Amino acid sequence: MISWNILQGMVTKRVFAVAKRTSRKGNDREVESLTVACNRAGKQQIKASNSLKAQPQSKTGLKTHFNMIRCLDGWILKSMELEHNHGLSPSKTRFYKCNRVLKPHVRRQLKLNAKASIKMNKNFNSLVVKAGGHENLPFLEKDCRNHLDRVKRLELGEGDAVAMNKYFLKMQADNSNFFYTMDFTEDGQLKNVFWADARSREAFKDFGDVVTFDTTYLVNKYSMPFASFVGVNHHGQSILLGCGLISGEDTDTFRWLFESWLICMSRVPPSAIITYQDKAMKKAIEIVFPKERH
């Protein structure tokens, strides 16, 4: 028997980058088996318009993996293969995406320094000095910069979040079928918002078979993607079935938004959902709408 935390440590502290290879869910929709492999495992699939043009090879056909199954008390390591057919670089493990993690106290320090108008290079250098060198940091300056960019998206104007909440409460008081939910960060900052009025919720009952989801609109003032769920009525007209403001376009954010929308619609999923091609969106749909056609 081995705990999930130990398994994570075994995988993320390897001297090679890893990626989830396969997973299987049980009847309770919880993951019951998982295979994590070296990111260079498998065969290379070349997709190029010019077949004569040489393409960089990242896959080497190796079988390095960890296969785990879930039981009542935790996870069991079923099989493991550590042999590699390519060179390893232990000194470069901090550059692997799977190892680059910003812990909560680091995120807080970055945010405080940014509010004190400390430039990014000095902000990052303070973390380097504290850690005793670049090699001791499990992240790069680029990760810090990306994090602060996301934080800036969340910084609504003074009183905006409160005003939004008051407006939603008023709408709910006028009509109890008005639905809204807000997602906050660990320090209580508004992160994502979803809402749908009574008309949208009622329309979904009749015209919710096929739904399109789109985030190509931006709220210019805050550069936050505006997400919309849209259906088509019997006159061929588009009808809004819910919308939201989100801080980013990653899998976790889309998962939160889809789950909020599903709760709003009494947990009745559409038969099909149409989106533009986005990997993070696709993963979230596989989690929240596993049986629906995408």
Protein backbone atom coordinates (compact mmCIF):
# COMPACT_ATOMS: atom_id res chain seq x y z
CA MET A 1 0.00 0.00 0.00
CA ILE A 2 1.29 3.45 -0.86
CA SER A 3 -0.29 6.88 -0.31
CA TRP A 4 -1.15 9.30 -3.11
CA ASN A 5 1.27 11.91 -1.71
CA ILE A 6 4.12 9.43 -1.84
CA LEU A 7 3.21 8.49 -5.41
CA GLN A 8 3.19 12.14 -6.40
CA GLY A 9 6.59 12.59 -4.82
CA MET A 10 7.97 9.57 -6.65
CA VAL A 11 6.74 10.95 -9.96
CA THR A 12 7.39 14.68 -9.70
CA LYS A 13 10.87 14.33 -8.23
CA ARG A 14 12.12 12.03 -10.98
CA VAL A 15 14.91 13.27 -13.23
CA PHE A 16 12.56 13.19 -16.21
CA ALA A 17 9.41 15.08 -17.16
CA VAL A 18 6.13 13.21 -16.79
CA ALA A 19 2.65 13.31 -18.30
CA LYS A 20 -0.62 11.51 -17.60
CA ARG A 21 -0.92 8.69 -20.11
CA THR A 22 -4.21 6.96 -19.32
CA SER A 23 -6.86 7.03 -16.60
CA ARG A 24 -10.12 5.19 -15.94
CA LYS A 25 -13.07 6.29 -13.85
CA GLY A 26 -15.40 4.10 -11.82
CA ASN A 27 -19.18 4.28 -11.45
CA ASP A 28 -18.74 7.09 -8.89
CA ARG A 29 -16.89 9.11 -11.57
CA GLU A 30 -13.75 9.07 -9.44
CA VAL A 31 -10.45 8.03 -10.99
CA GLU A 32 -9.80 4.38 -10.10
CA SER A 33 -6.67 3.74 -12.17
CA LEU A 34 -3.95 6.03 -13.47
CA THR A 35 -0.83 5.63 -15.58
CA VAL A 36 1.84 8.32 -15.53
CA ALA A 37 4.65 8.04 -18.06
CA CYS A 38 7.77 9.87 -19.19
CA ASN A 39 6.73 12.64 -21.57
CA ARG A 40 8.93 11.08 -24.26
CA ALA A 41 7.15 7.72 -24.08
CA GLY A 42 5.20 6.46 -27.09
CA LYS A 43 5.70 6.88 -30.82
CA GLN A 44 6.11 10.15 -32.67
CA GLN A 45 3.15 11.23 -34.79
CA ILE A 46 4.30 13.64 -37.47
CA LYS A 47 1.62 15.99 -38.73
CA ALA A 48 3.09 18.25 -41.37
CA SER A 49 1.89 19.55 -44.71
CA ASN A 50 5.36 19.00 -46.15
CA SER A 51 6.36 15.37 -45.59
CA LEU A 52 9.90 16.09 -46.80
CA LYS A 53 10.55 18.69 -44.13
CA ALA A 54 12.41 17.27 -41.14
CA GLN A 55 10.52 17.42 -37.85
CA PRO A 56 12.07 17.39 -34.36
CA GLN A 57 11.61 14.02 -32.66
CA SER A 58 10.46 14.18 -29.03
CA LYS A 59 9.11 10.64 -28.64
CA THR A 60 11.57 7.78 -28.27
CA GLY A 61 9.26 4.78 -27.87
CA LEU A 62 10.33 3.98 -24.30
CA LYS A 63 7.99 2.35 -21.77
CA THR A 64 8.89 4.26 -18.59
CA HIS A 65 5.74 4.51 -16.46
CA PHE A 66 4.00 4.25 -13.08
CA ASN A 67 0.67 2.38 -13.05
CA MET A 68 -1.55 2.91 -9.99
CA ILE A 69 -4.98 1.69 -8.89
CA ARG A 70 -7.24 3.13 -6.21
CA CYS A 71 -8.50 1.09 -3.27
CA LEU A 72 -10.46 1.92 -0.11
CA ASP A 73 -7.42 3.08 1.86
CA GLY A 74 -5.52 4.93 -0.87
CA TRP A 75 -3.51 3.95 -3.94
CA ILE A 76 -1.55 0.82 -4.83
CA LEU A 77 1.46 0.88 -7.13
CA LYS A 78 0.63 -1.90 -9.59
CA SER A 79 3.61 -1.69 -11.95
CA MET A 80 6.64 0.50 -12.55
CA GLU A 81 9.29 0.77 -15.27
CA LEU A 82 12.20 3.20 -14.89
CA GLU A 83 14.49 2.23 -17.78
CA HIS A 84 15.17 5.01 -20.32
CA ASN A 85 16.55 5.01 -23.84
CA HIS A 86 17.46 8.71 -23.82
CA GLY A 87 19.79 10.86 -21.76
CA LEU A 88 18.72 12.26 -18.39
CA SER A 89 19.63 15.66 -16.96
CA PRO A 90 19.12 15.76 -13.18
CA SER A 91 20.41 19.33 -13.02
CA LYS A 92 17.62 20.51 -15.35
CA THR A 93 14.65 18.96 -13.56
CA ARG A 94 13.51 22.36 -12.31
CA PHE A 95 12.79 23.36 -15.93
CA TYR A 96 10.20 20.58 -16.33
CA LYS A 97 6.68 21.91 -16.27
CA CYS A 98 5.52 19.15 -13.91
CA ASN A 99 8.08 20.32 -11.30
CA ARG A 100 7.50 24.07 -11.56
CA VAL A 101 5.20 24.92 -8.65
CA LEU A 102 4.54 28.26 -6.94
CA LYS A 103 3.64 27.56 -3.33
CA PRO A 104 1.12 29.82 -1.51
CA HIS A 105 3.74 31.75 0.47
CA VAL A 106 5.67 32.49 -2.76
CA ARG A 107 2.51 33.72 -4.49
CA ARG A 108 1.75 36.00 -1.55
CA GLN A 109 5.28 37.46 -1.55
CA LEU A 110 5.17 38.09 -5.30
CA LYS A 111 1.84 39.87 -4.96
CA LEU A 112 2.98 42.04 -2.03
CA ASN A 113 6.19 43.03 -3.79
CA ALA A 114 4.24 43.88 -6.94
CA LYS A 115 1.89 46.11 -4.94
CA ALA A 116 4.97 47.86 -3.53
CA SER A 117 5.94 48.65 -7.17
CA ILE A 118 8.95 46.31 -7.09
CA LYS A 119 9.87 45.33 -10.65
CA MET A 120 9.64 41.71 -11.71
CA ASN A 121 13.40 41.13 -12.02
CA LYS A 122 14.04 42.40 -8.47
CA ASN A 123 10.98 40.57 -7.20
CA PHE A 124 12.29 37.29 -8.59
CA ASN A 125 15.88 37.97 -7.48
CA SER A 126 14.70 38.33 -3.88
CA LEU A 127 13.34 34.78 -4.10
CA VAL A 128 16.62 33.57 -5.63
CA VAL A 129 18.66 35.09 -2.78
CA LYS A 130 16.30 33.65 -0.17
CA ALA A 131 16.57 30.16 -1.72
CA GLY A 132 20.37 30.35 -2.02
CA GLY A 133 20.55 30.25 -5.80
CA HIS A 134 18.55 29.63 -8.97
CA GLU A 135 19.14 25.89 -8.75
CA ASN A 136 17.19 25.74 -5.48
CA LEU A 137 14.02 27.26 -6.90
CA PRO A 138 11.34 24.88 -8.33
CA PHE A 139 10.12 27.58 -10.73
CA LEU A 140 11.36 30.15 -13.24
CA GLU A 141 10.97 33.90 -13.57
CA LYS A 142 8.52 33.23 -16.40
CA ASP A 143 6.24 31.33 -13.98
CA CYS A 144 6.27 34.29 -11.58
CA ARG A 145 5.49 36.71 -14.39
CA ASN A 146 2.60 34.54 -15.62
CA HIS A 147 1.21 34.32 -12.10
CA LEU A 148 1.24 38.09 -11.62
CA ASP A 149 -0.42 38.54 -15.02
CA ARG A 150 -3.25 36.29 -13.81
CA VAL A 151 -3.47 38.18 -10.52
CA LYS A 152 -3.82 41.49 -12.38
CA ARG A 153 -6.82 40.06 -14.22
CA LEU A 154 -8.51 39.46 -10.90
CA GLU A 155 -7.98 42.98 -9.62
CA LEU A 156 -11.32 44.62 -10.29
CA GLY A 157 -11.71 48.30 -9.51
CA GLU A 158 -12.35 49.37 -5.94
CA GLY A 159 -15.85 48.33 -4.96
CA ASP A 160 -16.56 46.51 -8.24
CA ALA A 161 -16.82 43.05 -6.67
CA VAL A 162 -19.10 44.38 -3.91
CA ALA A 163 -21.27 46.21 -6.44
CA MET A 164 -21.54 43.05 -8.53
CA ASN A 165 -22.59 41.00 -5.51
CA LYS A 166 -25.21 43.59 -4.50
CA TYR A 167 -26.62 43.58 -8.04
CA PHE A 168 -26.88 39.78 -8.05
CA LEU A 169 -28.60 39.82 -4.66
CA LYS A 170 -31.11 42.37 -5.97
CA MET A 171 -31.79 40.23 -9.05
CA GLN A 172 -32.30 37.18 -6.85
CA ALA A 173 -34.65 39.11 -4.57
CA ASP A 174 -36.73 40.16 -7.61
CA ASN A 175 -36.83 36.60 -8.95
CA SER A 176 -35.82 33.61 -6.84
CA ASN A 177 -34.93 31.65 -9.99
CA PHE A 178 -32.02 33.98 -10.73
CA PHE A 179 -28.83 31.95 -10.17
CA TYR A 180 -25.30 33.16 -9.51
CA THR A 181 -22.13 31.89 -7.92
CA MET A 182 -18.72 33.41 -7.23
CA ASP A 183 -15.32 31.75 -7.00
CA PHE A 184 -12.67 33.27 -4.71
CA THR A 185 -8.93 32.81 -4.25
CA GLU A 186 -7.39 31.63 -0.99
CA ASP A 187 -7.03 35.23 0.21
CA GLY A 188 -10.64 36.08 -0.57
CA GLN A 189 -10.15 37.79 -3.95
CA LEU A 190 -12.85 37.39 -6.57
CA LYS A 191 -11.68 34.96 -9.22
CA ASN A 192 -14.60 33.78 -11.39
CA VAL A 193 -18.30 34.59 -11.66
CA PHE A 194 -21.22 32.76 -13.26
CA TRP A 195 -24.86 33.82 -13.52
CA ALA A 196 -28.07 32.93 -15.36
CA ASP A 197 -31.49 34.55 -15.11
CA ALA A 198 -34.84 32.77 -14.83
CA ARG A 199 -35.52 33.06 -18.56
CA SER A 200 -32.24 31.32 -19.43
CA ARG A 201 -32.91 28.49 -16.99
CA GLU A 202 -36.42 27.98 -18.33
CA ALA A 203 -35.25 28.12 -21.97
CA PHE A 204 -32.71 25.38 -21.32
CA LYS A 205 -35.52 22.92 -20.54
CA ASP A 206 -36.84 23.24 -24.11
CA PHE A 207 -33.76 24.23 -26.11
CA GLY A 208 -30.82 22.75 -24.23
CA ASP A 209 -30.16 19.69 -26.40
CA VAL A 210 -27.20 21.31 -28.13
CA VAL A 211 -25.23 24.11 -26.48
CA THR A 212 -22.34 26.19 -27.80
CA PHE A 213 -19.72 27.53 -25.39
CA ASP A 214 -17.48 30.45 -26.29
CA THR A 215 -14.84 32.59 -24.54
CA THR A 216 -13.60 34.65 -27.49
CA TYR A 217 -15.03 37.86 -26.05
CA LEU A 218 -13.03 40.08 -23.68
CA VAL A 219 -14.21 42.64 -21.16
CA ASN A 220 -11.88 45.43 -22.24
CA LYS A 221 -11.60 47.23 -18.92
CA TYR A 222 -10.28 44.18 -17.04
CA SER A 223 -9.12 41.91 -19.90
CA MET A 224 -11.23 39.10 -18.46
CA PRO A 225 -12.69 36.53 -20.89
CA PHE A 226 -16.48 36.63 -21.07
CA ALA A 227 -17.90 33.11 -21.30
CA SER A 228 -21.30 32.40 -22.81
CA PHE A 229 -23.52 29.32 -23.06
CA VAL A 230 -25.81 29.65 -26.08
CA GLY A 231 -28.63 27.51 -27.47
CA VAL A 232 -30.98 27.81 -30.46
CA ASN A 233 -34.78 28.04 -30.16
CA HIS A 234 -37.44 26.71 -32.55
CA HIS A 235 -37.21 29.91 -34.63
CA GLY A 236 -33.50 29.38 -35.25
CA GLN A 237 -32.63 32.27 -32.94
CA SER A 238 -29.73 32.22 -30.48
CA ILE A 239 -30.72 32.25 -26.83
CA LEU A 240 -28.43 32.91 -23.88
CA LEU A 241 -28.31 30.02 -21.38
CA GLY A 242 -25.87 31.50 -18.89
CA CYS A 243 -22.66 33.51 -18.83
CA GLY A 244 -19.65 34.27 -16.73
CA LEU A 245 -16.46 36.24 -16.25
CA ILE A 246 -13.35 34.13 -15.74
CA SER A 247 -9.79 34.94 -14.71
CA GLY A 248 -8.08 32.48 -17.04
CA GLU A 249 -8.60 29.77 -19.62
CA ASP A 250 -7.13 26.72 -17.90
CA THR A 251 -8.72 23.35 -17.13
CA ASP A 252 -9.52 24.13 -13.47
CA THR A 253 -11.29 27.38 -14.37
CA PHE A 254 -13.35 25.75 -17.12
CA ARG A 255 -14.20 22.86 -14.81
CA TRP A 256 -15.50 25.27 -12.16
CA LEU A 257 -17.56 27.12 -14.78
CA PHE A 258 -19.05 23.96 -16.30
CA GLU A 259 -19.90 22.53 -12.88
CA SER A 260 -21.56 25.82 -11.87
CA TRP A 261 -23.62 25.84 -15.06
CA LEU A 262 -24.60 22.19 -14.56
CA ILE A 263 -25.79 22.91 -11.00
CA CYS A 264 -27.73 25.90 -12.31
CA MET A 265 -29.50 23.66 -14.83
CA SER A 266 -30.56 21.15 -12.15
CA ARG A 267 -27.68 18.85 -13.12
CA VAL A 268 -29.25 18.05 -16.49
CA PRO A 269 -26.46 18.05 -19.08
CA PRO A 270 -26.97 18.87 -22.77
CA SER A 271 -26.86 16.08 -25.34
CA ALA A 272 -24.00 17.82 -27.13
CA ILE A 273 -21.73 20.79 -26.52
CA ILE A 274 -19.91 22.70 -29.26
CA THR A 275 -16.68 24.64 -28.60
CA TYR A 276 -13.68 25.89 -30.53
CA GLN A 277 -10.57 23.71 -30.30
CA ASP A 278 -8.97 24.25 -26.91
CA LYS A 279 -7.13 21.53 -24.96
CA ALA A 280 -7.94 22.93 -21.50
CA MET A 281 -11.61 23.22 -22.44
CA LYS A 282 -11.64 19.68 -23.82
CA LYS A 283 -10.18 18.24 -20.59
CA ALA A 284 -12.74 20.08 -18.46
CA ILE A 285 -15.60 18.80 -20.64
CA GLU A 286 -14.32 15.22 -20.31
CA ILE A 287 -14.48 15.64 -16.52
CA VAL A 288 -17.84 17.40 -16.16
CA PHE A 289 -19.66 15.99 -19.22
CA PRO A 290 -18.08 12.54 -19.66
CA LYS A 291 -21.04 11.00 -21.51
CA GLU A 292 -22.10 13.95 -23.64
CA ARG A 293 -20.96 14.49 -27.20
CA HIS A 294 -18.35 17.22 -27.62
